[in-house]
Amino acid sequence: MTACIFCQPQPYVLENERAAAFFDIHPVSLGHLLIIPKQHYATIFDVPQTDKQAMADLIDRAKTYLDERYRPDGYNIGINVGAAAGQTVMHCHVHLIPRYHGDTPHPEGGIRKLLPPEK
């Protein structure tokens, strides 16, 4: 069994006792953060309420951090659950993705249209 990459030390940008945030190594946009529980849980449905609350608190702090640092025009927040939904690291994580006017020509459809089609 391979060790979980998110359970390894990460360069945290923000953290609290039960959750942490760090930059995605494959960002969709400038400032794309991942928020994780510090304890390993495969999906959001496995995370106990105390850790979910810690993650929610960190999402709010992360938004403030990104507002001050990058001044985005909007946000996408996403959670993939299972390989069929695009989850590639089986450690619960929330994507907090800053969005900027003009970063996609037609942002309607939100996350469904976030990534360009593969060629």
C-alpha atoms as a PDB file:
ATOM      1  CA  MET A   1       0.000   0.000   0.000  1.00  0.00           C
ATOM      2  CA  THR A   2       1.322   3.431  -0.978  1.00  0.00           C
ATOM      3  CA  ALA A   3       1.492   6.120   1.690  1.00  0.00           C
ATOM      4  CA  CYS A   4      -1.036   8.920   1.284  1.00  0.00           C
ATOM      5  CA  ILE A   5       0.652  12.017  -0.129  1.00  0.00           C
ATOM      6  CA  PHE A   6      -1.643  14.326   1.882  1.00  0.00           C
ATOM      7  CA  CYS A   7      -0.631  12.542   5.096  1.00  0.00           C
ATOM      8  CA  GLN A   8       2.990  13.535   4.383  1.00  0.00           C
ATOM      9  CA  PRO A   9       4.312  16.941   5.466  1.00  0.00           C
ATOM     10  CA  GLN A  10       2.957  19.698   3.231  1.00  0.00           C
ATOM     11  CA  PRO A  11       3.852  23.388   2.964  1.00  0.00           C
ATOM     12  CA  TYR A  12       0.747  24.601   4.783  1.00  0.00           C
ATOM     13  CA  VAL A  13      -0.445  28.116   4.045  1.00  0.00           C
ATOM     14  CA  LEU A  14      -3.039  28.039   6.840  1.00  0.00           C
ATOM     15  CA  GLU A  15      -3.984  25.541   9.503  1.00  0.00           C
ATOM     16  CA  ASN A  16      -5.907  24.973  12.664  1.00  0.00           C
ATOM     17  CA  GLU A  17      -5.824  22.075  15.099  1.00  0.00           C
ATOM     18  CA  ARG A  18      -7.742  19.653  12.845  1.00  0.00           C
ATOM     19  CA  ALA A  19      -7.395  20.958   9.260  1.00  0.00           C
ATOM     20  CA  ALA A  20      -4.835  22.486   6.914  1.00  0.00           C
ATOM     21  CA  ALA A  21      -4.673  24.369   3.607  1.00  0.00           C
ATOM     22  CA  PHE A  22      -1.963  24.297   0.960  1.00  0.00           C
ATOM     23  CA  PHE A  23      -1.590  25.224  -2.707  1.00  0.00           C
ATOM     24  CA  ASP A  24      -2.631  22.633  -5.292  1.00  0.00           C
ATOM     25  CA  ILE A  25       0.381  21.402  -7.306  1.00  0.00           C
ATOM     26  CA  HIS A  26      -1.844  21.362 -10.429  1.00  0.00           C
ATOM     27  CA  PRO A  27      -3.740  24.644  -9.976  1.00  0.00           C
ATOM     28  CA  VAL A  28      -6.744  25.547 -12.070  1.00  0.00           C
ATOM     29  CA  SER A  29      -6.033  29.217 -11.338  1.00  0.00           C
ATOM     30  CA  LEU A  30      -3.701  31.432  -9.342  1.00  0.00           C
ATOM     31  CA  GLY A  31      -4.238  30.741  -5.633  1.00  0.00           C
ATOM     32  CA  HIS A  32      -5.992  27.343  -5.964  1.00  0.00           C
ATOM     33  CA  LEU A  33      -5.949  25.849  -2.452  1.00  0.00           C
ATOM     34  CA  LEU A  34      -6.733  22.436  -1.041  1.00  0.00           C
ATOM     35  CA  ILE A  35      -8.255  22.170   2.424  1.00  0.00           C
ATOM     36  CA  ILE A  36      -7.806  18.798   4.142  1.00  0.00           C
ATOM     37  CA  PRO A  37      -8.498  17.226   7.501  1.00  0.00           C
ATOM     38  CA  LYS A  38      -5.169  16.488   9.191  1.00  0.00           C
ATOM     39  CA  GLN A  39      -6.410  12.994  10.044  1.00  0.00           C
ATOM     40  CA  HIS A  40      -6.739  10.628   7.084  1.00  0.00           C
ATOM     41  CA  TYR A  41     -10.289  10.073   5.815  1.00  0.00           C
ATOM     42  CA  ALA A  42     -10.903   8.918   2.260  1.00  0.00           C
ATOM     43  CA  THR A  43     -13.952  11.081   1.492  1.00  0.00           C
ATOM     44  CA  ILE A  44     -15.959  13.932   2.966  1.00  0.00           C
ATOM     45  CA  PHE A  45     -18.584  11.366   3.992  1.00  0.00           C
ATOM     46  CA  ASP A  46     -16.016   9.697   6.277  1.00  0.00           C
ATOM     47  CA  VAL A  47     -14.985  12.889   8.070  1.00  0.00           C
ATOM     48  CA  PRO A  48     -16.394  13.353  11.598  1.00  0.00           C
ATOM     49  CA  GLN A  49     -18.375  16.521  12.261  1.00  0.00           C
ATOM     50  CA  THR A  50     -15.617  18.115  14.384  1.00  0.00           C
ATOM     51  CA  ASP A  51     -13.147  17.849  11.510  1.00  0.00           C
ATOM     52  CA  LYS A  52     -15.741  19.016   8.968  1.00  0.00           C
ATOM     53  CA  GLN A  53     -16.304  22.115  11.104  1.00  0.00           C
ATOM     54  CA  ALA A  54     -12.551  22.713  11.290  1.00  0.00           C
ATOM     55  CA  MET A  55     -12.384  22.439   7.493  1.00  0.00           C
ATOM     56  CA  ALA A  56     -15.319  24.864   7.101  1.00  0.00           C
ATOM     57  CA  ASP A  57     -13.621  27.359   9.421  1.00  0.00           C
ATOM     58  CA  LEU A  58     -10.427  27.056   7.388  1.00  0.00           C
ATOM     59  CA  ILE A  59     -12.294  27.583   4.105  1.00  0.00           C
ATOM     60  CA  ASP A  60     -13.500  30.935   5.468  1.00  0.00           C
ATOM     61  CA  ARG A  61      -9.982  31.892   6.578  1.00  0.00           C
ATOM     62  CA  ALA A  62      -8.569  30.757   3.222  1.00  0.00           C
ATOM     63  CA  LYS A  63     -11.056  32.926   1.334  1.00  0.00           C
ATOM     64  CA  THR A  64      -9.953  35.952   3.361  1.00  0.00           C
ATOM     65  CA  TYR A  65      -6.300  35.079   2.702  1.00  0.00           C
ATOM     66  CA  LEU A  66      -6.910  34.744  -1.054  1.00  0.00           C
ATOM     67  CA  ASP A  67      -9.013  37.932  -1.182  1.00  0.00           C
ATOM     68  CA  GLU A  68      -6.154  39.884   0.375  1.00  0.00           C
ATOM     69  CA  ARG A  69      -3.370  38.252  -1.634  1.00  0.00           C
ATOM     70  CA  TYR A  70      -4.885  37.792  -5.124  1.00  0.00           C
ATOM     71  CA  ARG A  71      -8.179  39.736  -5.170  1.00  0.00           C
ATOM     72  CA  PRO A  72     -10.174  37.198  -7.232  1.00  0.00           C
ATOM     73  CA  ASP A  73     -13.566  38.043  -8.676  1.00  0.00           C
ATOM     74  CA  GLY A  74     -15.264  34.822  -7.542  1.00  0.00           C
ATOM     75  CA  TYR A  75     -14.724  31.277  -6.315  1.00  0.00           C
ATOM     76  CA  ASN A  76     -15.507  27.665  -7.116  1.00  0.00           C
ATOM     77  CA  ILE A  77     -15.597  25.257  -4.194  1.00  0.00           C
ATOM     78  CA  GLY A  78     -15.540  21.569  -5.057  1.00  0.00           C
ATOM     79  CA  ILE A  79     -15.222  18.130  -3.518  1.00  0.00           C
ATOM     80  CA  ASN A  80     -14.709  15.017  -5.630  1.00  0.00           C
ATOM     81  CA  VAL A  81     -15.797  11.742  -4.018  1.00  0.00           C
ATOM     82  CA  GLY A  82     -14.457   8.545  -5.563  1.00  0.00           C
ATOM     83  CA  ALA A  83     -12.541   7.813  -8.737  1.00  0.00           C
ATOM     84  CA  ALA A  84     -15.714   8.017 -10.874  1.00  0.00           C
ATOM     85  CA  ALA A  85     -16.103  11.638  -9.731  1.00  0.00           C
ATOM     86  CA  GLY A  86     -12.470  12.513 -10.439  1.00  0.00           C
ATOM     87  CA  GLN A  87     -10.940  12.015  -6.986  1.00  0.00           C
ATOM     88  CA  THR A  88      -7.300  11.073  -7.582  1.00  0.00           C
ATOM     89  CA  VAL A  89      -5.961  11.363  -4.021  1.00  0.00           C
ATOM     90  CA  MET A  90      -8.029   9.274  -1.654  1.00  0.00           C
ATOM     91  CA  HIS A  91      -7.697  11.695   1.248  1.00  0.00           C
ATOM     92  CA  CYS A  92     -10.655  14.038   1.620  1.00  0.00           C
ATOM     93  CA  HIS A  93      -9.900  17.478   0.219  1.00  0.00           C
ATOM     94  CA  VAL A  94     -11.864  20.555  -0.713  1.00  0.00           C
ATOM     95  CA  HIS A  95     -10.793  22.641  -3.701  1.00  0.00           C
ATOM     96  CA  LEU A  96     -11.051  26.393  -3.112  1.00  0.00           C
ATOM     97  CA  ILE A  97     -10.494  27.842  -6.566  1.00  0.00           C
ATOM     98  CA  PRO A  98     -10.239  31.596  -7.089  1.00  0.00           C
ATOM     99  CA  ARG A  99     -11.840  32.772 -10.328  1.00  0.00           C
ATOM    100  CA  TYR A 100     -10.988  35.881 -12.308  1.00  0.00           C
ATOM    101  CA  HIS A 101     -12.988  37.787 -14.907  1.00  0.00           C
ATOM    102  CA  GLY A 102     -11.834  36.548 -18.302  1.00  0.00           C
ATOM    103  CA  ASP A 103     -10.164  33.323 -17.063  1.00  0.00           C
ATOM    104  CA  THR A 104     -12.767  31.437 -19.104  1.00  0.00           C
ATOM    105  CA  PRO A 105     -14.842  32.975 -21.892  1.00  0.00           C
ATOM    106  CA  HIS A 106     -18.185  31.596 -20.653  1.00  0.00           C
ATOM    107  CA  PRO A 107     -18.199  30.734 -16.935  1.00  0.00           C
ATOM    108  CA  GLU A 108     -21.823  29.546 -16.976  1.00  0.00           C
ATOM    109  CA  GLY A 109     -22.011  25.984 -15.728  1.00  0.00           C
ATOM    110  CA  GLY A 110     -19.403  26.597 -13.030  1.00  0.00           C
ATOM    111  CA  ILE A 111     -17.360  23.558 -12.083  1.00  0.00           C
ATOM    112  CA  ARG A 112     -18.750  21.415 -14.901  1.00  0.00           C
ATOM    113  CA  LYS A 113     -17.009  23.722 -17.367  1.00  0.00           C
ATOM    114  CA  LEU A 114     -14.003  24.619 -15.235  1.00  0.00           C
ATOM    115  CA  LEU A 115     -11.461  22.500 -17.075  1.00  0.00           C
ATOM    116  CA  PRO A 116     -11.013  22.504 -20.830  1.00  0.00           C
ATOM    117  CA  PRO A 117     -11.826  19.238 -22.613  1.00  0.00           C
ATOM    118  CA  GLU A 118      -8.895  16.828 -22.980  1.00  0.00           C
ATOM    119  CA  LYS A 119      -7.501  16.523 -26.484  1.00  0.00           C
END
